N, C-alpha and C. Protein backbone atom coordinates (compact mmCIF):
# COMPACT_ATOMS: atom_id res chain seq x y z
N MET A 1 214.65 72.94 132.40
CA MET A 1 213.64 71.90 132.46
C MET A 1 212.43 72.36 131.66
N LYS A 2 211.89 71.44 130.88
CA LYS A 2 210.77 71.80 130.00
C LYS A 2 209.63 70.80 130.16
N LYS A 3 208.47 71.31 130.57
CA LYS A 3 207.30 70.44 130.70
C LYS A 3 206.61 70.39 129.34
N ASP A 4 206.74 69.25 128.66
CA ASP A 4 206.06 69.08 127.38
C ASP A 4 204.66 68.51 127.62
N GLU A 5 203.93 68.28 126.54
CA GLU A 5 202.55 67.81 126.68
C GLU A 5 202.47 66.44 127.35
N LEU A 6 203.41 65.56 127.03
CA LEU A 6 203.37 64.23 127.63
C LEU A 6 203.71 64.29 129.12
N SER A 7 204.70 65.08 129.48
CA SER A 7 205.02 65.24 130.91
C SER A 7 203.83 65.82 131.66
N ALA A 8 203.17 66.80 131.07
CA ALA A 8 201.99 67.40 131.69
C ALA A 8 200.88 66.36 131.85
N ALA A 9 200.73 65.49 130.85
CA ALA A 9 199.73 64.43 130.93
C ALA A 9 200.06 63.45 132.05
N TYR A 10 201.34 63.12 132.20
CA TYR A 10 201.77 62.23 133.28
C TYR A 10 201.42 62.83 134.63
N LEU A 11 201.66 64.13 134.78
CA LEU A 11 201.36 64.80 136.05
C LEU A 11 199.86 64.78 136.34
N LYS A 12 199.07 65.02 135.32
CA LYS A 12 197.62 65.02 135.47
C LYS A 12 197.13 63.63 135.88
N LYS A 13 197.65 62.59 135.21
CA LYS A 13 197.27 61.22 135.55
C LYS A 13 197.69 60.89 136.98
N ALA A 14 198.86 61.34 137.36
CA ALA A 14 199.36 61.07 138.72
C ALA A 14 198.47 61.74 139.76
N ARG A 15 198.04 62.96 139.50
CA ARG A 15 197.18 63.68 140.45
C ARG A 15 195.87 62.92 140.66
N VAL A 16 195.28 62.42 139.58
CA VAL A 16 194.03 61.66 139.68
C VAL A 16 194.26 60.36 140.44
N ARG A 17 195.36 59.69 140.15
CA ARG A 17 195.67 58.43 140.84
C ARG A 17 195.89 58.67 142.33
N LEU A 18 196.52 59.77 142.68
CA LEU A 18 196.74 60.08 144.09
C LEU A 18 195.40 60.21 144.81
N GLN A 19 194.46 60.86 144.18
CA GLN A 19 193.13 61.00 144.78
C GLN A 19 192.43 59.64 144.87
N ALA A 20 192.64 58.81 143.86
CA ALA A 20 191.99 57.49 143.83
C ALA A 20 192.52 56.56 144.93
N LEU A 21 193.73 56.79 145.39
CA LEU A 21 194.29 55.92 146.43
C LEU A 21 193.43 55.91 147.68
N SER A 22 192.89 57.05 148.03
CA SER A 22 192.02 57.12 149.21
C SER A 22 190.74 56.32 149.01
N PHE A 23 190.20 56.35 147.81
CA PHE A 23 189.01 55.55 147.50
C PHE A 23 189.31 54.07 147.70
N TYR A 24 190.42 53.61 147.14
CA TYR A 24 190.80 52.20 147.30
C TYR A 24 190.99 51.85 148.77
N LYS A 25 191.70 52.72 149.51
CA LYS A 25 191.94 52.47 150.93
C LYS A 25 190.62 52.41 151.70
N ASP A 26 189.74 53.37 151.45
CA ASP A 26 188.47 53.42 152.16
C ASP A 26 187.60 52.19 151.89
N ASN A 27 187.83 51.55 150.74
CA ASN A 27 187.08 50.36 150.37
C ASN A 27 187.87 49.08 150.65
N GLU A 28 188.93 49.22 151.44
CA GLU A 28 189.77 48.11 151.89
C GLU A 28 190.39 47.33 150.73
N ALA A 29 190.62 48.01 149.62
CA ALA A 29 191.31 47.42 148.47
C ALA A 29 192.80 47.77 148.58
N TYR A 30 193.42 47.24 149.62
CA TYR A 30 194.78 47.63 149.98
C TYR A 30 195.82 47.26 148.92
N SER A 31 195.64 46.11 148.29
CA SER A 31 196.60 45.73 147.24
C SER A 31 196.49 46.68 146.05
N ASP A 32 195.30 47.19 145.78
CA ASP A 32 195.13 48.16 144.69
C ASP A 32 195.79 49.49 145.03
N VAL A 33 195.78 49.86 146.30
CA VAL A 33 196.48 51.08 146.72
C VAL A 33 197.96 50.94 146.39
N VAL A 34 198.55 49.82 146.73
CA VAL A 34 199.97 49.60 146.49
C VAL A 34 200.27 49.62 145.00
N ARG A 35 199.48 48.92 144.21
CA ARG A 35 199.71 48.87 142.76
C ARG A 35 199.57 50.26 142.13
N GLU A 36 198.52 50.97 142.45
CA GLU A 36 198.30 52.29 141.87
C GLU A 36 199.37 53.29 142.33
N ALA A 37 199.82 53.16 143.57
CA ALA A 37 200.88 54.04 144.07
C ALA A 37 202.15 53.82 143.26
N GLN A 38 202.46 52.58 142.93
CA GLN A 38 203.64 52.29 142.12
C GLN A 38 203.53 52.96 140.75
N GLU A 39 202.40 52.81 140.11
CA GLU A 39 202.22 53.40 138.79
C GLU A 39 202.28 54.93 138.86
N LEU A 40 201.73 55.50 139.89
CA LEU A 40 201.77 56.95 140.09
C LEU A 40 203.21 57.43 140.21
N VAL A 41 204.01 56.77 141.05
CA VAL A 41 205.41 57.15 141.22
C VAL A 41 206.17 56.98 139.91
N GLU A 42 205.93 55.90 139.22
CA GLU A 42 206.59 55.67 137.93
C GLU A 42 206.27 56.80 136.94
N LEU A 43 205.03 57.17 136.83
CA LEU A 43 204.63 58.27 135.93
C LEU A 43 205.34 59.57 136.29
N LEU A 44 205.37 59.87 137.57
CA LEU A 44 206.00 61.12 138.03
C LEU A 44 207.48 61.16 137.68
N LEU A 45 208.18 60.07 137.96
CA LEU A 45 209.62 60.05 137.71
C LEU A 45 209.93 60.07 136.22
N LYS A 46 209.09 59.44 135.43
CA LYS A 46 209.29 59.48 133.98
C LYS A 46 208.98 60.87 133.43
N ALA A 47 208.06 61.59 134.05
CA ALA A 47 207.78 62.97 133.64
C ALA A 47 209.01 63.84 133.84
N ILE A 48 209.68 63.66 134.98
CA ILE A 48 210.90 64.44 135.25
C ILE A 48 211.99 64.10 134.25
N LEU A 49 212.18 62.82 133.98
CA LEU A 49 213.20 62.43 133.01
C LEU A 49 212.95 63.09 131.66
N ARG A 50 211.72 63.05 131.21
CA ARG A 50 211.38 63.71 129.93
C ARG A 50 211.69 65.20 129.99
N ALA A 51 211.32 65.81 131.10
CA ALA A 51 211.46 67.27 131.23
C ALA A 51 212.91 67.72 131.22
N VAL A 52 213.82 66.88 131.69
CA VAL A 52 215.23 67.26 131.69
C VAL A 52 215.97 66.70 130.48
N GLY A 53 215.23 66.08 129.56
CA GLY A 53 215.82 65.65 128.30
C GLY A 53 216.52 64.31 128.32
N ILE A 54 216.17 63.46 129.27
CA ILE A 54 216.77 62.13 129.35
C ILE A 54 215.80 61.13 128.75
N GLU A 55 216.31 60.26 127.91
CA GLU A 55 215.46 59.22 127.32
C GLU A 55 214.92 58.34 128.43
N VAL A 56 213.62 58.14 128.42
CA VAL A 56 212.95 57.39 129.47
C VAL A 56 213.12 55.89 129.20
N PRO A 57 213.74 55.18 130.14
CA PRO A 57 213.93 53.74 129.94
C PRO A 57 212.60 52.99 130.08
N LYS A 58 212.51 51.85 129.46
CA LYS A 58 211.30 51.04 129.50
C LYS A 58 211.38 50.06 130.68
N VAL A 59 211.55 50.61 131.87
CA VAL A 59 211.57 49.84 133.11
C VAL A 59 210.63 50.53 134.10
N HIS A 60 210.25 49.81 135.13
CA HIS A 60 209.30 50.37 136.10
C HIS A 60 209.95 51.17 137.21
N ASP A 61 211.22 50.92 137.48
CA ASP A 61 211.95 51.67 138.50
C ASP A 61 213.09 52.41 137.82
N VAL A 62 212.97 53.73 137.74
CA VAL A 62 213.97 54.53 137.03
C VAL A 62 214.96 55.19 138.00
N GLY A 63 215.05 54.67 139.21
CA GLY A 63 215.94 55.24 140.22
C GLY A 63 217.39 55.32 139.77
N ARG A 64 217.87 54.29 139.13
CA ARG A 64 219.27 54.30 138.67
C ARG A 64 219.49 55.36 137.59
N THR A 65 218.51 55.53 136.74
CA THR A 65 218.62 56.55 135.69
C THR A 65 218.64 57.94 136.31
N LEU A 66 217.80 58.16 137.30
CA LEU A 66 217.80 59.45 138.00
C LEU A 66 219.15 59.70 138.65
N GLU A 67 219.69 58.69 139.30
CA GLU A 67 220.98 58.84 139.96
C GLU A 67 222.09 59.13 138.95
N LYS A 68 222.07 58.44 137.85
CA LYS A 68 223.09 58.62 136.82
C LYS A 68 223.10 60.06 136.29
N HIS A 69 221.93 60.68 136.24
CA HIS A 69 221.79 62.03 135.68
C HIS A 69 221.40 63.05 136.75
N HIS A 70 221.78 62.80 137.99
CA HIS A 70 221.33 63.65 139.09
C HIS A 70 221.72 65.12 138.91
N CYS A 71 222.81 65.38 138.20
CA CYS A 71 223.24 66.78 138.02
C CYS A 71 222.27 67.57 137.14
N LEU A 72 221.41 66.89 136.40
CA LEU A 72 220.42 67.57 135.56
C LEU A 72 219.09 67.80 136.28
N LEU A 73 218.95 67.20 137.44
CA LEU A 73 217.67 67.25 138.14
C LEU A 73 217.48 68.56 138.88
N PRO A 74 216.25 69.00 139.02
CA PRO A 74 215.97 70.17 139.85
C PRO A 74 216.47 69.91 141.28
N SER A 75 216.91 70.94 141.96
CA SER A 75 217.53 70.76 143.27
C SER A 75 216.60 70.10 144.28
N VAL A 76 215.31 70.41 144.24
CA VAL A 76 214.37 69.82 145.19
C VAL A 76 214.32 68.30 145.02
N LEU A 77 214.48 67.84 143.81
CA LEU A 77 214.48 66.41 143.57
C LEU A 77 215.83 65.80 143.94
N ASP A 78 216.90 66.45 143.56
CA ASP A 78 218.23 65.94 143.85
C ASP A 78 218.44 65.80 145.36
N LYS A 79 217.95 66.78 146.13
CA LYS A 79 218.09 66.74 147.59
C LYS A 79 217.36 65.54 148.20
N ASN A 80 216.32 65.10 147.55
CA ASN A 80 215.48 64.00 148.07
C ASN A 80 215.65 62.71 147.27
N LEU A 81 216.70 62.65 146.49
CA LEU A 81 216.87 61.53 145.56
C LEU A 81 216.97 60.18 146.27
N ASP A 82 217.69 60.09 147.36
CA ASP A 82 217.82 58.81 148.05
C ASP A 82 216.46 58.27 148.50
N GLU A 83 215.65 59.14 149.07
CA GLU A 83 214.32 58.72 149.52
C GLU A 83 213.43 58.35 148.34
N ILE A 84 213.49 59.11 147.27
CA ILE A 84 212.69 58.82 146.08
C ILE A 84 213.10 57.48 145.48
N LYS A 85 214.39 57.24 145.41
CA LYS A 85 214.87 55.95 144.90
C LYS A 85 214.40 54.80 145.78
N ARG A 86 214.44 54.98 147.08
CA ARG A 86 213.99 53.94 148.01
C ARG A 86 212.51 53.61 147.78
N ILE A 87 211.72 54.66 147.66
CA ILE A 87 210.28 54.48 147.43
C ILE A 87 210.02 53.78 146.10
N SER A 88 210.66 54.24 145.06
CA SER A 88 210.46 53.65 143.74
C SER A 88 210.85 52.17 143.72
N LYS A 89 211.96 51.86 144.34
CA LYS A 89 212.44 50.47 144.37
C LYS A 89 211.49 49.58 145.16
N ARG A 90 211.05 50.06 146.32
CA ARG A 90 210.15 49.26 147.15
C ARG A 90 208.82 49.00 146.43
N LEU A 91 208.26 50.04 145.86
CA LEU A 91 206.99 49.87 145.16
C LEU A 91 207.15 48.99 143.92
N ARG A 92 208.28 49.11 143.25
CA ARG A 92 208.53 48.26 142.08
C ARG A 92 208.52 46.78 142.47
N LYS A 93 209.10 46.49 143.62
CA LYS A 93 209.13 45.10 144.08
C LYS A 93 207.72 44.57 144.34
N GLU A 94 206.81 45.45 144.70
CA GLU A 94 205.43 45.05 145.02
C GLU A 94 204.52 45.05 143.79
N ARG A 95 204.98 45.57 142.69
CA ARG A 95 204.15 45.78 141.50
C ARG A 95 203.33 44.56 141.08
N GLU A 96 204.00 43.48 140.74
CA GLU A 96 203.30 42.30 140.24
C GLU A 96 202.52 41.58 141.33
N LEU A 97 203.14 41.42 142.49
CA LEU A 97 202.45 40.71 143.57
C LEU A 97 201.16 41.41 143.99
N SER A 98 201.20 42.73 144.04
CA SER A 98 200.00 43.46 144.47
C SER A 98 198.87 43.35 143.46
N PHE A 99 199.21 43.09 142.22
CA PHE A 99 198.19 43.01 141.17
C PHE A 99 197.77 41.57 140.89
N TYR A 100 198.74 40.73 140.60
CA TYR A 100 198.46 39.35 140.18
C TYR A 100 198.49 38.35 141.33
N GLY A 101 199.33 38.61 142.33
CA GLY A 101 199.51 37.65 143.39
C GLY A 101 200.30 36.46 142.89
N ALA A 102 200.19 35.35 143.62
CA ALA A 102 200.85 34.09 143.27
C ALA A 102 200.09 32.98 143.98
N GLU A 103 200.45 31.75 143.66
CA GLU A 103 199.77 30.61 144.29
C GLU A 103 199.74 30.74 145.80
N ASP A 104 200.85 31.20 146.36
CA ASP A 104 200.95 31.30 147.82
C ASP A 104 200.86 32.74 148.31
N PHE A 105 200.33 33.63 147.48
CA PHE A 105 200.26 35.05 147.84
C PHE A 105 198.99 35.65 147.23
N ILE A 106 197.96 35.75 148.02
CA ILE A 106 196.67 36.30 147.58
C ILE A 106 196.67 37.79 147.95
N PRO A 107 196.75 38.68 146.95
CA PRO A 107 196.90 40.12 147.25
C PRO A 107 195.86 40.68 148.21
N THR A 108 194.61 40.26 148.05
CA THR A 108 193.55 40.81 148.90
C THR A 108 193.68 40.35 150.34
N GLU A 109 194.47 39.31 150.58
CA GLU A 109 194.68 38.81 151.93
C GLU A 109 196.02 39.26 152.52
N GLU A 110 196.98 39.51 151.67
CA GLU A 110 198.34 39.81 152.13
C GLU A 110 198.57 41.28 152.48
N TYR A 111 197.90 42.19 151.78
CA TYR A 111 198.11 43.61 152.04
C TYR A 111 197.08 44.09 153.06
N ASP A 112 197.52 45.02 153.90
CA ASP A 112 196.63 45.52 154.95
C ASP A 112 196.64 47.05 154.98
N LEU A 113 195.93 47.59 155.93
CA LEU A 113 195.80 49.04 156.06
C LEU A 113 197.17 49.70 156.20
N GLU A 114 198.05 49.11 156.96
CA GLU A 114 199.39 49.68 157.14
C GLU A 114 200.14 49.79 155.81
N ASP A 115 200.03 48.76 154.97
CA ASP A 115 200.66 48.80 153.65
C ASP A 115 200.08 49.92 152.80
N ALA A 116 198.76 50.06 152.86
CA ALA A 116 198.08 51.09 152.08
C ALA A 116 198.48 52.49 152.54
N VAL A 117 198.52 52.69 153.84
CA VAL A 117 198.87 54.00 154.38
C VAL A 117 200.31 54.37 153.99
N MET A 118 201.21 53.40 154.06
CA MET A 118 202.60 53.66 153.67
C MET A 118 202.69 54.00 152.18
N ALA A 119 201.97 53.28 151.35
CA ALA A 119 202.00 53.54 149.91
C ALA A 119 201.46 54.93 149.59
N ILE A 120 200.39 55.32 150.26
CA ILE A 120 199.81 56.65 150.05
C ILE A 120 200.78 57.74 150.51
N LYS A 121 201.38 57.54 151.67
CA LYS A 121 202.35 58.51 152.19
C LYS A 121 203.53 58.65 151.22
N ASP A 122 204.06 57.54 150.77
CA ASP A 122 205.21 57.57 149.86
C ASP A 122 204.85 58.20 148.51
N ALA A 123 203.71 57.84 147.97
CA ALA A 123 203.28 58.40 146.69
C ALA A 123 203.05 59.91 146.83
N GLY A 124 202.46 60.33 147.93
CA GLY A 124 202.24 61.76 148.17
C GLY A 124 203.55 62.52 148.30
N PHE A 125 204.52 61.91 148.97
CA PHE A 125 205.84 62.52 149.11
C PHE A 125 206.46 62.76 147.73
N VAL A 126 206.46 61.74 146.88
CA VAL A 126 207.05 61.87 145.55
C VAL A 126 206.25 62.88 144.73
N PHE A 127 204.92 62.82 144.82
CA PHE A 127 204.08 63.77 144.08
C PHE A 127 204.44 65.20 144.45
N ASN A 128 204.54 65.48 145.74
CA ASN A 128 204.84 66.85 146.18
C ASN A 128 206.21 67.32 145.71
N ILE A 129 207.20 66.43 145.74
CA ILE A 129 208.54 66.79 145.26
C ILE A 129 208.51 67.11 143.77
N ILE A 130 207.85 66.26 143.01
CA ILE A 130 207.81 66.46 141.56
C ILE A 130 207.00 67.71 141.22
N GLN A 131 205.92 67.93 141.91
CA GLN A 131 205.12 69.14 141.69
C GLN A 131 205.96 70.37 141.99
N ASP A 132 206.71 70.36 143.09
CA ASP A 132 207.59 71.46 143.42
C ASP A 132 208.66 71.67 142.34
N ALA A 133 209.18 70.57 141.84
CA ALA A 133 210.21 70.64 140.79
C ALA A 133 209.68 71.34 139.55
N PHE A 134 208.47 70.98 139.15
CA PHE A 134 207.90 71.59 137.95
C PHE A 134 207.49 73.04 138.21
N GLN A 135 207.01 73.34 139.40
CA GLN A 135 206.63 74.71 139.70
C GLN A 135 207.85 75.62 139.82
N GLY A 136 208.91 75.08 140.43
CA GLY A 136 210.15 75.83 140.56
C GLY A 136 210.85 75.98 139.23
N ASN A 137 210.73 74.93 138.39
CA ASN A 137 211.24 74.94 137.03
C ASN A 137 212.72 75.33 136.94
N ALA A 138 213.47 74.96 137.99
CA ALA A 138 214.90 75.33 138.00
C ALA A 138 215.76 74.09 138.13
N PRO A 139 216.80 73.98 137.32
CA PRO A 139 217.68 72.82 137.43
C PRO A 139 218.50 72.88 138.71
N GLY A 140 219.07 71.68 139.08
CA GLY A 140 219.85 71.55 140.30
C GLY A 140 220.97 72.51 140.36
């Protein structure tokens, strides 16, 4: 596994976003917590794909790509792949609604503290796994 400059930049951006989630939560911007958590998870997973030499697809949920190439993943990530895929898929489903909403879905009214806390917990889980993967720097 090789952390290149772009992967390192993704990790740095993800770390800042993780810290920002608490700011959004504390200011009751719960839909922003969900949206930023999704982007954070996406950045982290794309950093891993780059690091193991897999072309990064232009989609927001790369769970299927991770699964397809699971034998190349660091063991800490492979062991937690099902949970990571679940988180990525769930947040991907919330991506547009949490940001844009819809006629019958006002993001600032639909998301609550519970949604924000879950998004922060999930984003932190993925962040810690990816950080461990890069620090361990060992393939599966």
